[in-house]
């Protein structure tokens, strides 16, 4: 028998984060008779349980940030036994060219509209993981995921992945050759004579999703599926990839991550080919690889909390994390908050690592 923790804890968490949708998304931690903890049926490690227990008390800002980071990271990862879906998706133009930064698309449909691509992601090294082979469903929603905007049955919104990239449509949506190196295709997010609805977001921001068909919850012959808390129209965040895009002029933000490495000669050099992970408030984790200058950027983001982390390579130690030039210590992941009153349209995160080889801390 599972028993929910006291609502006092949940109310305290909502008060700390300002995100009421956390409880609506089924993120209440439950306790079994044996004392183990779970979110959506996944076992959580003890440190996260301890952090959650602390939400009933008054905490300083730093502790609060660590709490939010841990919860976002664990919810997205689905615990150790269920890692995030590898690879990435990205919206492109009709030729498979990524629309960079906060640029808007000219329309929703057609050659000036929005198309779906997938693979290892921009700047990924040759051995980087793409999407696992198989069939996937996709959907378009508002940025919060609550409002479904796609209008055709789920089964019509289907793509086939081979070799880590989208190779074909297994539904009814149009395809075109992609500009990526994997000889894949891009798939139009609009169905044949079936555009997706306008977003409820006043700034014109949308969210594209993909999920493996085996992880879809519901009836794919239906347009929409009410799958309960922590699930969005049949798509579970921990088993999905998302990408925000916009079809109107609005203010959105970028999270720009820079990776530095202190090498054995005590020189600071760019960290190339490192995997950077960004988790949003509904628990979806998206990955990018750093380019030749050590940079990776996530754009089209709205206000809210985000967790930003790196995939720490063997033989390296994290020395410091900085947010907008301010050191927060060696936090991985770290939490950032985008606010409407931010003067800049970007948040800068820097990870500094050192090569430690066999001398790395255990």
Foldseek 3Di string as FASTA:
>chain_A
DKDFDDVLLVVLLCVLFVDPLCVQQQQGWIADPVGFIAGPPATDDPVLVVLSVCSNDDDDPLSSQVNVQVSLCCLLQSPPVRGFFAWAKAKDAQQQHGDDFQDAFQDCDDRRHIWMKIFNAPQAPPPGGAGDFAKKWKFKAAPVLAGGFFDAFRQQRMFTDDPRITAGGSHQFDWDFHPDPPRHIITRNAGDVTTTHFYPPPAFKMKMKMFHPVQFPDDRNDRFDCPGRCARRRHHQSRMHMAMHGNHHDAKAKEKEWEWELEPVRDIAGDGNWWKWKGFPSNHIGIHTAHRRRMDMHHNHDWGKMWIFTDDDPQKDWAWKDKPRHTPGRDGTGMDTDDPPDPDRYIYMYIYMYGRGPNDDD
